[in-house]
Amino acid sequence: MATPFIAGVAVAAVALAGRYGVRAWQAYKARPPAARMRRFYEGGFQSTMTRREAALILGIRETATPDKVREAHRKVMVANHPDAGGSHYLASKINEAKDVMLGKTKGSGSAF
């Protein structure tokens, strides 16, 4: 007589565990993506910007396509634009980095 009762309790326990597992999986899949810790360029700017430094400023590879360079420039510039509280100096360095990556370097460098 106790066997059907134990079987019923076991089935109920498995059902509850399954329900909990499905809800936990759905919550895991619905969570926003976690920001990965990125290592940023820690050094100061060089007197003449190199392609490596320009790629580090824009957060792209040195071999990035022109479309990737423009997209990265836009994202970094939106975050650091002087009209939105950013620095004029950083904005000029970001623009210089884009010019270096696209091969449009000016001999004078940045305005600062």
PDB file of N, CA and C in Angstrom:
ATOM      1  N   MET A   1       0.800  -1.190   0.000  1.00  0.00           N
ATOM      2  CA  MET A   1       0.000   0.000   0.000  1.00  0.00           C
ATOM      3  C   MET A   1       0.854   1.270   0.000  1.00  0.00           C
ATOM      4  N   ALA A   2       1.994   1.225   0.594  1.00  0.00           N
ATOM      5  CA  ALA A   2       2.851   2.408   0.656  1.00  0.00           C
ATOM      6  C   ALA A   2       3.572   2.640  -0.669  1.00  0.00           C
ATOM      7  N   THR A   3       3.694   1.629  -1.506  1.00  0.00           N
ATOM      8  CA  THR A   3       4.417   1.755  -2.766  1.00  0.00           C
ATOM      9  C   THR A   3       3.764   2.757  -3.706  1.00  0.00           C
ATOM     10  N   PRO A   4       2.454   2.761  -3.932  1.00  0.00           N
ATOM     11  CA  PRO A   4       1.864   3.785  -4.803  1.00  0.00           C
ATOM     12  C   PRO A   4       2.052   5.201  -4.247  1.00  0.00           C
ATOM     13  N   PHE A   5       2.005   5.342  -2.948  1.00  0.00           N
ATOM     14  CA  PHE A   5       2.212   6.658  -2.345  1.00  0.00           C
ATOM     15  C   PHE A   5       3.630   7.164  -2.601  1.00  0.00           C
ATOM     16  N   ILE A   6       4.624   6.310  -2.407  1.00  0.00           N
ATOM     17  CA  ILE A   6       6.022   6.684  -2.631  1.00  0.00           C
ATOM     18  C   ILE A   6       6.248   7.003  -4.101  1.00  0.00           C
ATOM     19  N   ALA A   7       5.635   6.239  -4.990  1.00  0.00           N
ATOM     20  CA  ALA A   7       5.768   6.498  -6.429  1.00  0.00           C
ATOM     21  C   ALA A   7       5.144   7.852  -6.777  1.00  0.00           C
ATOM     22  N   GLY A   8       4.005   8.172  -6.186  1.00  0.00           N
ATOM     23  CA  GLY A   8       3.351   9.460  -6.436  1.00  0.00           C
ATOM     24  C   GLY A   8       4.194  10.625  -5.951  1.00  0.00           C
ATOM     25  N   VAL A   9       4.795  10.503  -4.780  1.00  0.00           N
ATOM     26  CA  VAL A   9       5.653  11.553  -4.245  1.00  0.00           C
ATOM     27  C   VAL A   9       6.892  11.723  -5.138  1.00  0.00           C
ATOM     28  N   ALA A  10       7.436  10.621  -5.621  1.00  0.00           N
ATOM     29  CA  ALA A  10       8.601  10.687  -6.499  1.00  0.00           C
ATOM     30  C   ALA A  10       8.252  11.384  -7.816  1.00  0.00           C
ATOM     31  N   VAL A  11       7.094  11.071  -8.385  1.00  0.00           N
ATOM     32  CA  VAL A  11       6.673  11.709  -9.632  1.00  0.00           C
ATOM     33  C   VAL A  11       6.462  13.206  -9.407  1.00  0.00           C
ATOM     34  N   ALA A  12       5.851  13.569  -8.287  1.00  0.00           N
ATOM     35  CA  ALA A  12       5.631  14.980  -7.981  1.00  0.00           C
ATOM     36  C   ALA A  12       6.959  15.711  -7.805  1.00  0.00           C
ATOM     37  N   ALA A  13       7.918  15.073  -7.150  1.00  0.00           N
ATOM     38  CA  ALA A  13       9.238  15.692  -6.945  1.00  0.00           C
ATOM     39  C   ALA A  13       9.950  15.900  -8.283  1.00  0.00           C
ATOM     40  N   VAL A  14       9.863  14.924  -9.172  1.00  0.00           N
ATOM     41  CA  VAL A  14      10.485  15.056 -10.487  1.00  0.00           C
ATOM     42  C   VAL A  14       9.802  16.162 -11.283  1.00  0.00           C
ATOM     43  N   ALA A  15       8.488  16.263 -11.192  1.00  0.00           N
ATOM     44  CA  ALA A  15       7.754  17.304 -11.917  1.00  0.00           C
ATOM     45  C   ALA A  15       8.138  18.697 -11.405  1.00  0.00           C
ATOM     46  N   LEU A  16       8.224  18.855 -10.092  1.00  0.00           N
ATOM     47  CA  LEU A  16       8.623  20.147  -9.529  1.00  0.00           C
ATOM     48  C   LEU A  16      10.058  20.498  -9.909  1.00  0.00           C
ATOM     49  N   ALA A  17      10.940  19.518  -9.871  1.00  0.00           N
ATOM     50  CA  ALA A  17      12.329  19.773 -10.251  1.00  0.00           C
ATOM     51  C   ALA A  17      12.413  20.151 -11.729  1.00  0.00           C
ATOM     52  N   GLY A  18      11.640  19.484 -12.566  1.00  0.00           N
ATOM     53  CA  GLY A  18      11.613  19.814 -13.993  1.00  0.00           C
ATOM     54  C   GLY A  18      11.076  21.210 -14.226  1.00  0.00           C
ATOM     55  N   ARG A  19      10.005  21.550 -13.502  1.00  0.00           N
ATOM     56  CA  ARG A  19       9.427  22.891 -13.632  1.00  0.00           C
ATOM     57  C   ARG A  19      10.444  23.957 -13.215  1.00  0.00           C
ATOM     58  N   TYR A  20      11.136  23.717 -12.104  1.00  0.00           N
ATOM     59  CA  TYR A  20      12.152  24.649 -11.635  1.00  0.00           C
ATOM     60  C   TYR A  20      13.285  24.757 -12.659  1.00  0.00           C
ATOM     61  N   GLY A  21      13.691  23.636 -13.208  1.00  0.00           N
ATOM     62  CA  GLY A  21      14.759  23.642 -14.201  1.00  0.00           C
ATOM     63  C   GLY A  21      14.378  24.417 -15.457  1.00  0.00           C
ATOM     64  N   VAL A  22      13.146  24.251 -15.940  1.00  0.00           N
ATOM     65  CA  VAL A  22      12.692  24.972 -17.135  1.00  0.00           C
ATOM     66  C   VAL A  22      12.645  26.469 -16.852  1.00  0.00           C
ATOM     67  N   ARG A  23      12.138  26.859 -15.706  1.00  0.00           N
ATOM     68  CA  ARG A  23      12.075  28.292 -15.359  1.00  0.00           C
ATOM     69  C   ARG A  23      13.472  28.893 -15.207  1.00  0.00           C
ATOM     70  N   ALA A  24      14.383  28.145 -14.608  1.00  0.00           N
ATOM     71  CA  ALA A  24      15.749  28.633 -14.449  1.00  0.00           C
ATOM     72  C   ALA A  24      16.414  28.792 -15.825  1.00  0.00           C
ATOM     73  N   TRP A  25      16.187  27.845 -16.726  1.00  0.00           N
ATOM     74  CA  TRP A  25      16.759  27.936 -18.067  1.00  0.00           C
ATOM     75  C   TRP A  25      16.198  29.139 -18.824  1.00  0.00           C
ATOM     76  N   GLN A  26      14.886  29.370 -18.717  1.00  0.00           N
ATOM     77  CA  GLN A  26      14.279  30.518 -19.396  1.00  0.00           C
ATOM     78  C   GLN A  26      14.805  31.833 -18.836  1.00  0.00           C
ATOM     79  N   ALA A  27      14.992  31.904 -17.532  1.00  0.00           N
ATOM     80  CA  ALA A  27      15.546  33.115 -16.921  1.00  0.00           C
ATOM     81  C   ALA A  27      16.990  33.318 -17.361  1.00  0.00           C
ATOM     82  N   TYR A  28      17.731  32.228 -17.484  1.00  0.00           N
ATOM     83  CA  TYR A  28      19.124  32.327 -17.938  1.00  0.00           C
ATOM     84  C   TYR A  28      19.194  32.827 -19.374  1.00  0.00           C
ATOM     85  N   LYS A  29      18.329  32.330 -20.245  1.00  0.00           N
ATOM     86  CA  LYS A  29      18.345  32.737 -21.644  1.00  0.00           C
ATOM     87  C   LYS A  29      17.824  34.165 -21.830  1.00  0.00           C
ATOM     88  N   ALA A  30      16.976  34.651 -20.946  1.00  0.00           N
ATOM     89  CA  ALA A  30      16.375  35.975 -21.085  1.00  0.00           C
ATOM     90  C   ALA A  30      17.216  37.086 -20.466  1.00  0.00           C
ATOM     91  N   ARG A  31      18.247  36.732 -19.733  1.00  0.00           N
ATOM     92  CA  ARG A  31      19.054  37.763 -19.070  1.00  0.00           C
ATOM     93  C   ARG A  31      19.811  38.583 -20.107  1.00  0.00           C
ATOM     94  N   PRO A  32      20.069  39.857 -19.815  1.00  0.00           N
ATOM     95  CA  PRO A  32      20.839  40.678 -20.761  1.00  0.00           C
ATOM     96  C   PRO A  32      22.277  40.198 -20.824  1.00  0.00           C
ATOM     97  N   PRO A  33      22.921  40.399 -21.956  1.00  0.00           N
ATOM     98  CA  PRO A  33      24.312  39.946 -22.058  1.00  0.00           C
ATOM     99  C   PRO A  33      25.200  40.713 -21.085  1.00  0.00           C
ATOM    100  N   ALA A  34      26.071  40.004 -20.443  1.00  0.00           N
ATOM    101  CA  ALA A  34      26.977  40.611 -19.471  1.00  0.00           C
ATOM    102  C   ALA A  34      28.114  41.316 -20.213  1.00  0.00           C
ATOM    103  N   ALA A  35      28.456  42.465 -19.717  1.00  0.00           N
ATOM    104  CA  ALA A  35      29.559  43.208 -20.322  1.00  0.00           C
ATOM    105  C   ALA A  35      30.869  42.504 -20.000  1.00  0.00           C
ATOM    106  N   ARG A  36      31.647  42.283 -21.019  1.00  0.00           N
ATOM    107  CA  ARG A  36      32.939  41.659 -20.804  1.00  0.00           C
ATOM    108  C   ARG A  36      33.943  42.729 -20.423  1.00  0.00           C
ATOM    109  N   MET A  37      34.820  42.369 -19.547  1.00  0.00           N
ATOM    110  CA  MET A  37      35.860  43.308 -19.148  1.00  0.00           C
ATOM    111  C   MET A  37      36.883  43.381 -20.272  1.00  0.00           C
ATOM    112  N   ARG A  38      37.045  44.565 -20.817  1.00  0.00           N
ATOM    113  CA  ARG A  38      38.014  44.758 -21.882  1.00  0.00           C
ATOM    114  C   ARG A  38      39.214  45.485 -21.320  1.00  0.00           C
ATOM    115  N   ARG A  39      40.332  45.168 -21.853  1.00  0.00           N
ATOM    116  CA  ARG A  39      41.544  45.837 -21.447  1.00  0.00           C
ATOM    117  C   ARG A  39      41.788  46.978 -22.414  1.00  0.00           C
ATOM    118  N   PHE A  40      41.810  48.185 -21.901  1.00  0.00           N
ATOM    119  CA  PHE A  40      41.973  49.360 -22.733  1.00  0.00           C
ATOM    120  C   PHE A  40      43.425  49.794 -22.759  1.00  0.00           C
ATOM    121  N   TYR A  41      43.736  50.596 -23.721  1.00  0.00           N
ATOM    122  CA  TYR A  41      45.076  51.124 -23.912  1.00  0.00           C
ATOM    123  C   TYR A  41      45.411  52.031 -22.732  1.00  0.00           C
ATOM    124  N   GLU A  42      46.440  51.684 -21.979  1.00  0.00           N
ATOM    125  CA  GLU A  42      46.753  52.416 -20.754  1.00  0.00           C
ATOM    126  C   GLU A  42      47.785  53.515 -20.949  1.00  0.00           C
ATOM    127  N   GLY A  43      48.518  53.488 -22.029  1.00  0.00           N
ATOM    128  CA  GLY A  43      49.587  54.450 -22.215  1.00  0.00           C
ATOM    129  C   GLY A  43      49.088  55.793 -22.698  1.00  0.00           C
ATOM    130  N   GLY A  44      49.972  56.782 -22.696  1.00  0.00           N
ATOM    131  CA  GLY A  44      49.656  58.082 -23.250  1.00  0.00           C
ATOM    132  C   GLY A  44      49.761  58.048 -24.761  1.00  0.00           C
ATOM    133  N   PHE A  45      49.441  59.152 -25.397  1.00  0.00           N
ATOM    134  CA  PHE A  45      49.504  59.214 -26.847  1.00  0.00           C
ATOM    135  C   PHE A  45      50.944  59.431 -27.296  1.00  0.00           C
ATOM    136  N   GLN A  46      51.276  58.842 -28.443  1.00  0.00           N
ATOM    137  CA  GLN A  46      52.597  59.030 -29.020  1.00  0.00           C
ATOM    138  C   GLN A  46      52.612  60.342 -29.793  1.00  0.00           C
ATOM    139  N   SER A  47      53.808  60.882 -30.040  1.00  0.00           N
ATOM    140  CA  SER A  47      53.887  62.170 -30.735  1.00  0.00           C
ATOM    141  C   SER A  47      53.356  62.067 -32.159  1.00  0.00           C
ATOM    142  N   THR A  48      53.666  60.991 -32.854  1.00  0.00           N
ATOM    143  CA  THR A  48      53.106  60.727 -34.176  1.00  0.00           C
ATOM    144  C   THR A  48      52.319  59.437 -34.073  1.00  0.00           C
ATOM    145  N   MET A  49      51.031  59.499 -34.391  1.00  0.00           N
ATOM    146  CA  MET A  49      50.172  58.345 -34.214  1.00  0.00           C
ATOM    147  C   MET A  49      50.527  57.245 -35.209  1.00  0.00           C
ATOM    148  N   THR A  50      50.682  56.040 -34.687  1.00  0.00           N
ATOM    149  CA  THR A  50      50.955  54.874 -35.528  1.00  0.00           C
ATOM    150  C   THR A  50      49.646  54.143 -35.803  1.00  0.00           C
ATOM    151  N   ARG A  51      49.704  53.223 -36.739  1.00  0.00           N
ATOM    152  CA  ARG A  51      48.511  52.440 -37.071  1.00  0.00           C
ATOM    153  C   ARG A  51      48.094  51.580 -35.880  1.00  0.00           C
ATOM    154  N   ARG A  52      49.059  51.086 -35.127  1.00  0.00           N
ATOM    155  CA  ARG A  52      48.756  50.277 -33.937  1.00  0.00           C
ATOM    156  C   ARG A  52      48.016  51.114 -32.891  1.00  0.00           C
ATOM    157  N   GLU A  53      48.522  52.300 -32.639  1.00  0.00           N
ATOM    158  CA  GLU A  53      47.881  53.174 -31.664  1.00  0.00           C
ATOM    159  C   GLU A  53      46.483  53.572 -32.120  1.00  0.00           C
ATOM    160  N   ALA A  54      46.325  53.842 -33.415  1.00  0.00           N
ATOM    161  CA  ALA A  54      45.011  54.205 -33.947  1.00  0.00           C
ATOM    162  C   ALA A  54      44.015  53.059 -33.770  1.00  0.00           C
ATOM    163  N   ALA A  55      44.466  51.839 -34.012  1.00  0.00           N
ATOM    164  CA  ALA A  55      43.594  50.679 -33.840  1.00  0.00           C
ATOM    165  C   ALA A  55      43.215  50.494 -32.379  1.00  0.00           C
ATOM    166  N   LEU A  56      44.152  50.742 -31.473  1.00  0.00           N
ATOM    167  CA  LEU A  56      43.849  50.629 -30.041  1.00  0.00           C
ATOM    168  C   LEU A  56      42.841  51.692 -29.605  1.00  0.00           C
ATOM    169  N   ILE A  57      42.959  52.893 -30.122  1.00  0.00           N
ATOM    170  CA  ILE A  57      42.026  53.969 -29.763  1.00  0.00           C
ATOM    171  C   ILE A  57      40.618  53.627 -30.226  1.00  0.00           C
ATOM    172  N   LEU A  58      40.509  53.105 -31.450  1.00  0.00           N
ATOM    173  CA  LEU A  58      39.193  52.783 -32.001  1.00  0.00           C
ATOM    174  C   LEU A  58      38.664  51.433 -31.540  1.00  0.00           C
ATOM    175  N   GLY A  59      39.520  50.619 -30.935  1.00  0.00           N
ATOM    176  CA  GLY A  59      39.080  49.321 -30.430  1.00  0.00           C
ATOM    177  C   GLY A  59      38.873  48.298 -31.540  1.00  0.00           C
ATOM    178  N   ILE A  60      39.696  48.359 -32.589  1.00  0.00           N
ATOM    179  CA  ILE A  60      39.583  47.436 -33.713  1.00  0.00           C
ATOM    180  C   ILE A  60      40.957  46.844 -34.007  1.00  0.00           C
ATOM    181  N   ARG A  61      40.997  45.921 -34.950  1.00  0.00           N
ATOM    182  CA  ARG A  61      42.275  45.338 -35.376  1.00  0.00           C
ATOM    183  C   ARG A  61      42.952  46.260 -36.378  1.00  0.00           C
ATOM    184  N   GLU A  62      44.247  46.110 -36.497  1.00  0.00           N
ATOM    185  CA  GLU A  62      44.992  46.934 -37.449  1.00  0.00           C
ATOM    186  C   GLU A  62      44.603  46.632 -38.889  1.00  0.00           C
ATOM    187  N   THR A  63      44.063  45.450 -39.135  1.00  0.00           N
ATOM    188  CA  THR A  63      43.698  45.041 -40.489  1.00  0.00           C
ATOM    189  C   THR A  63      42.209  45.214 -40.771  1.00  0.00           C
ATOM    190  N   ALA A  64      41.529  46.041 -39.996  1.00  0.00           N
ATOM    191  CA  ALA A  64      40.078  46.216 -40.150  1.00  0.00           C
ATOM    192  C   ALA A  64      39.748  46.872 -41.487  1.00  0.00           C
ATOM    193  N   THR A  65      38.565  46.534 -41.997  1.00  0.00           N
ATOM    194  CA  THR A  65      38.103  47.117 -43.257  1.00  0.00           C
ATOM    195  C   THR A  65      37.692  48.567 -43.032  1.00  0.00           C
ATOM    196  N   PRO A  66      37.649  49.372 -44.098  1.00  0.00           N
ATOM    197  CA  PRO A  66      37.218  50.766 -43.939  1.00  0.00           C
ATOM    198  C   PRO A  66      35.819  50.914 -43.334  1.00  0.00           C
ATOM    199  N   ASP A  67      34.921  49.994 -43.640  1.00  0.00           N
ATOM    200  CA  ASP A  67      33.581  50.064 -43.044  1.00  0.00           C
ATOM    201  C   ASP A  67      33.636  49.846 -41.539  1.00  0.00           C
ATOM    202  N   LYS A  68      34.456  48.892 -41.092  1.00  0.00           N
ATOM    203  CA  LYS A  68      34.622  48.654 -39.653  1.00  0.00           C
ATOM    204  C   LYS A  68      35.258  49.859 -38.975  1.00  0.00           C
ATOM    205  N   VAL A  69      36.197  50.507 -39.664  1.00  0.00           N
ATOM    206  CA  VAL A  69      36.859  51.695 -39.104  1.00  0.00           C
ATOM    207  C   VAL A  69      35.835  52.800 -38.908  1.00  0.00           C
ATOM    208  N   ARG A  70      35.013  53.036 -39.918  1.00  0.00           N
ATOM    209  CA  ARG A  70      33.996  54.096 -39.816  1.00  0.00           C
ATOM    210  C   ARG A  70      32.973  53.794 -38.721  1.00  0.00           C
ATOM    211  N   GLU A  71      32.565  52.532 -38.618  1.00  0.00           N
ATOM    212  CA  GLU A  71      31.600  52.146 -37.584  1.00  0.00           C
ATOM    213  C   GLU A  71      32.193  52.318 -36.185  1.00  0.00           C
ATOM    214  N   ALA A  72      33.437  51.878 -36.011  1.00  0.00           N
ATOM    215  CA  ALA A  72      34.099  52.026 -34.708  1.00  0.00           C
ATOM    216  C   ALA A  72      34.307  53.495 -34.383  1.00  0.00           C
ATOM    217  N   HIS A  73      34.682  54.292 -35.374  1.00  0.00           N
ATOM    218  CA  HIS A  73      34.877  55.735 -35.167  1.00  0.00           C
ATOM    219  C   HIS A  73      33.578  56.375 -34.697  1.00  0.00           C
ATOM    220  N   ARG A  74      32.479  56.027 -35.336  1.00  0.00           N
ATOM    221  CA  ARG A  74      31.187  56.599 -34.970  1.00  0.00           C
ATOM    222  C   ARG A  74      30.832  56.241 -33.526  1.00  0.00           C
ATOM    223  N   LYS A  75      31.018  54.974 -33.137  1.00  0.00           N
ATOM    224  CA  LYS A  75      30.676  54.549 -31.777  1.00  0.00           C
ATOM    225  C   LYS A  75      31.532  55.260 -30.732  1.00  0.00           C
ATOM    226  N   VAL A  76      32.835  55.352 -30.994  1.00  0.00           N
ATOM    227  CA  VAL A  76      33.730  55.992 -30.021  1.00  0.00           C
ATOM    228  C   VAL A  76      33.464  57.494 -29.973  1.00  0.00           C
ATOM    229  N   MET A  77      33.175  58.082 -31.124  1.00  0.00           N
ATOM    230  CA  MET A  77      32.932  59.529 -31.171  1.00  0.00           C
ATOM    231  C   MET A  77      31.618  59.891 -30.479  1.00  0.00           C
ATOM    232  N   VAL A  78      30.598  59.059 -30.623  1.00  0.00           N
ATOM    233  CA  VAL A  78      29.334  59.331 -29.927  1.00  0.00           C
ATOM    234  C   VAL A  78      29.558  59.360 -28.419  1.00  0.00           C
ATOM    235  N   ALA A  79      30.401  58.476 -27.929  1.00  0.00           N
ATOM    236  CA  ALA A  79      30.665  58.412 -26.484  1.00  0.00           C
ATOM    237  C   ALA A  79      31.553  59.553 -25.994  1.00  0.00           C
ATOM    238  N   ASN A  80      32.345  60.150 -26.884  1.00  0.00           N
ATOM    239  CA  ASN A  80      33.322  61.160 -26.461  1.00  0.00           C
ATOM    240  C   ASN A  80      33.169  62.495 -27.169  1.00  0.00           C
ATOM    241  N   HIS A  81      32.035  62.758 -27.781  1.00  0.00           N
ATOM    242  CA  HIS A  81      31.864  63.998 -28.550  1.00  0.00           C
ATOM    243  C   HIS A  81      31.825  65.212 -27.612  1.00  0.00           C
ATOM    244  N   PRO A  82      32.495  66.303 -27.980  1.00  0.00           N
ATOM    245  CA  PRO A  82      32.516  67.491 -27.117  1.00  0.00           C
ATOM    246  C   PRO A  82      31.126  68.086 -26.866  1.00  0.00           C
ATOM    247  N   ASP A  83      30.220  67.978 -27.810  1.00  0.00           N
ATOM    248  CA  ASP A  83      28.868  68.506 -27.602  1.00  0.00           C
ATOM    249  C   ASP A  83      28.084  67.711 -26.564  1.00  0.00           C
ATOM    250  N   ALA A  84      28.531  66.495 -26.279  1.00  0.00           N
ATOM    251  CA  ALA A  84      27.857  65.654 -25.291  1.00  0.00           C
ATOM    252  C   ALA A  84      28.673  65.552 -24.007  1.00  0.00           C
ATOM    253  N   GLY A  85      29.570  66.514 -23.784  1.00  0.00           N
ATOM    254  CA  GLY A  85      30.344  66.527 -22.554  1.00  0.00           C
ATOM    255  C   GLY A  85      31.704  65.882 -22.661  1.00  0.00           C
ATOM    256  N   GLY A  86      32.099  65.484 -23.854  1.00  0.00           N
ATOM    257  CA  GLY A  86      33.406  64.865 -24.046  1.00  0.00           C
ATOM    258  C   GLY A  86      34.508  65.900 -24.193  1.00  0.00           C
ATOM    259  N   SER A  87      35.691  65.423 -24.382  1.00  0.00           N
ATOM    260  CA  SER A  87      36.870  66.277 -24.471  1.00  0.00           C
ATOM    261  C   SER A  87      37.187  66.599 -25.931  1.00  0.00           C
ATOM    262  N   HIS A  88      37.558  67.858 -26.184  1.00  0.00           N
ATOM    263  CA  HIS A  88      37.977  68.250 -27.534  1.00  0.00           C
ATOM    264  C   HIS A  88      39.262  67.525 -27.916  1.00  0.00           C
ATOM    265  N   TYR A  89      40.141  67.346 -26.957  1.00  0.00           N
ATOM    266  CA  TYR A  89      41.401  66.670 -27.213  1.00  0.00           C
ATOM    267  C   TYR A  89      41.174  65.220 -27.628  1.00  0.00           C
ATOM    268  N   LEU A  90      40.330  64.515 -26.873  1.00  0.00           N
ATOM    269  CA  LEU A  90      40.045  63.124 -27.226  1.00  0.00           C
ATOM    270  C   LEU A  90      39.345  63.031 -28.571  1.00  0.00           C
ATOM    271  N   ALA A  91      38.439  63.959 -28.850  1.00  0.00           N
ATOM    272  CA  ALA A  91      37.746  63.949 -30.137  1.00  0.00           C
ATOM    273  C   ALA A  91      38.737  64.132 -31.282  1.00  0.00           C
ATOM    274  N   SER A  92      39.724  65.002 -31.100  1.00  0.00           N
ATOM    275  CA  SER A  92      40.717  65.201 -32.158  1.00  0.00           C
ATOM    276  C   SER A  92      41.577  63.954 -32.336  1.00  0.00           C
ATOM    277  N   LYS A  93      41.906  63.270 -31.238  1.00  0.00           N
ATOM    278  CA  LYS A  93      42.691  62.044 -31.330  1.00  0.00           C
ATOM    279  C   LYS A  93      41.878  60.921 -31.987  1.00  0.00           C
ATOM    280  N   ILE A  94      40.588  60.859 -31.706  1.00  0.00           N
ATOM    281  CA  ILE A  94      39.728  59.849 -32.332  1.00  0.00           C
ATOM    282  C   ILE A  94      39.639  60.098 -33.833  1.00  0.00           C
ATOM    283  N   ASN A  95      39.487  61.370 -34.215  1.00  0.00           N
ATOM    284  CA  ASN A  95      39.455  61.705 -35.639  1.00  0.00           C
ATOM    285  C   ASN A  95      40.792  61.398 -36.309  1.00  0.00           C
ATOM    286  N   GLU A  96      41.876  61.674 -35.613  1.00  0.00           N
ATOM    287  CA  GLU A  96      43.201  61.377 -36.161  1.00  0.00           C
ATOM    288  C   GLU A  96      43.386  59.870 -36.327  1.00  0.00           C
ATOM    289  N   ALA A  97      42.871  59.098 -35.372  1.00  0.00           N
ATOM    290  CA  ALA A  97      42.965  57.637 -35.462  1.00  0.00           C
ATOM    291  C   ALA A  97      42.205  57.126 -36.680  1.00  0.00           C
ATOM    292  N   LYS A  98      41.027  57.686 -36.936  1.00  0.00           N
ATOM    293  CA  LYS A  98      40.260  57.290 -38.122  1.00  0.00           C
ATOM    294  C   LYS A  98      41.034  57.627 -39.385  1.00  0.00           C
ATOM    295  N   ASP A  99      41.622  58.811 -39.435  1.00  0.00           N
ATOM    296  CA  ASP A  99      42.392  59.216 -40.618  1.00  0.00           C
ATOM    297  C   ASP A  99      43.599  58.296 -40.836  1.00  0.00           C
ATOM    298  N   VAL A 100      44.274  57.913 -39.765  1.00  0.00           N
ATOM    299  CA  VAL A 100      45.423  57.023 -39.887  1.00  0.00           C
ATOM    300  C   VAL A 100      44.974  55.659 -40.412  1.00  0.00           C
ATOM    301  N   MET A 101      43.877  55.147 -39.875  1.00  0.00           N
ATOM    302  CA  MET A 101      43.408  53.830 -40.296  1.00  0.00           C
ATOM    303  C   MET A 101      42.908  53.840 -41.734  1.00  0.00           C
ATOM    304  N   LEU A 102      42.361  54.952 -42.188  1.00  0.00           N
ATOM    305  CA  LEU A 102      41.870  55.034 -43.568  1.00  0.00           C
ATOM    306  C   LEU A 102      42.947  55.513 -44.538  1.00  0.00           C
ATOM    307  N   GLY A 103      44.129  55.836 -44.029  1.00  0.00           N
ATOM    308  CA  GLY A 103      45.217  56.270 -44.887  1.00  0.00           C
ATOM    309  C   GLY A 103      45.116  57.717 -45.309  1.00  0.00           C
ATOM    310  N   LYS A 104      44.393  58.525 -44.559  1.00  0.00           N
ATOM    311  CA  LYS A 104      44.223  59.958 -44.876  1.00  0.00           C
ATOM    312  C   LYS A 104      44.983  60.821 -43.879  1.00  0.00           C
ATOM    313  N   THR A 105      46.196  60.428 -43.579  1.00  0.00           N
ATOM    314  CA  THR A 105      46.950  61.162 -42.559  1.00  0.00           C
ATOM    315  C   THR A 105      47.351  62.534 -43.050  1.00  0.00           C
ATOM    316  N   LYS A 106      47.290  63.457 -42.132  1.00  0.00           N
ATOM    317  CA  LYS A 106      47.756  64.812 -42.392  1.00  0.00           C
ATOM    318  C   LYS A 106      49.101  64.935 -41.698  1.00  0.00           C
ATOM    319  N   GLY A 107      49.998  65.668 -42.263  1.00  0.00           N
ATOM    320  CA  GLY A 107      51.347  65.767 -41.707  1.00  0.00           C
ATOM    321  C   GLY A 107      51.399  66.436 -40.348  1.00  0.00           C
ATOM    322  N   SER A 108      50.421  67.269 -40.010  1.00  0.00           N
ATOM    323  CA  SER A 108      50.508  68.056 -38.778  1.00  0.00           C
ATOM    324  C   SER A 108      50.052  67.281 -37.559  1.00  0.00           C
ATOM    325  N   GLY A 109      49.313  66.186 -37.690  1.00  0.00           N
ATOM    326  CA  GLY A 109      48.812  65.458 -36.524  1.00  0.00           C
ATOM    327  C   GLY A 109      47.585  66.158 -35.962  1.00  0.00           C
ATOM    328  N   SER A 110      47.384  66.038 -34.658  1.00  0.00           N
ATOM    329  CA  SER A 110      46.209  66.642 -34.044  1.00  0.00           C
ATOM    330  C   SER A 110      46.417  68.136 -33.833  1.00  0.00           C
ATOM    331  N   ALA A 111      45.329  68.814 -33.538  1.00  0.00           N
ATOM    332  CA  ALA A 111      45.383  70.256 -33.320  1.00  0.00           C
ATOM    333  C   ALA A 111      45.985  70.609 -31.975  1.00  0.00           C
ATOM    334  N   PHE A 112      46.138  69.629 -31.097  1.00  0.00           N
ATOM    335  CA  PHE A 112      46.624  69.911 -29.755  1.00  0.00           C
ATOM    336  C   PHE A 112      48.042  69.506 -29.609  1.00  0.00           C
TER     337      PHE A 112
END
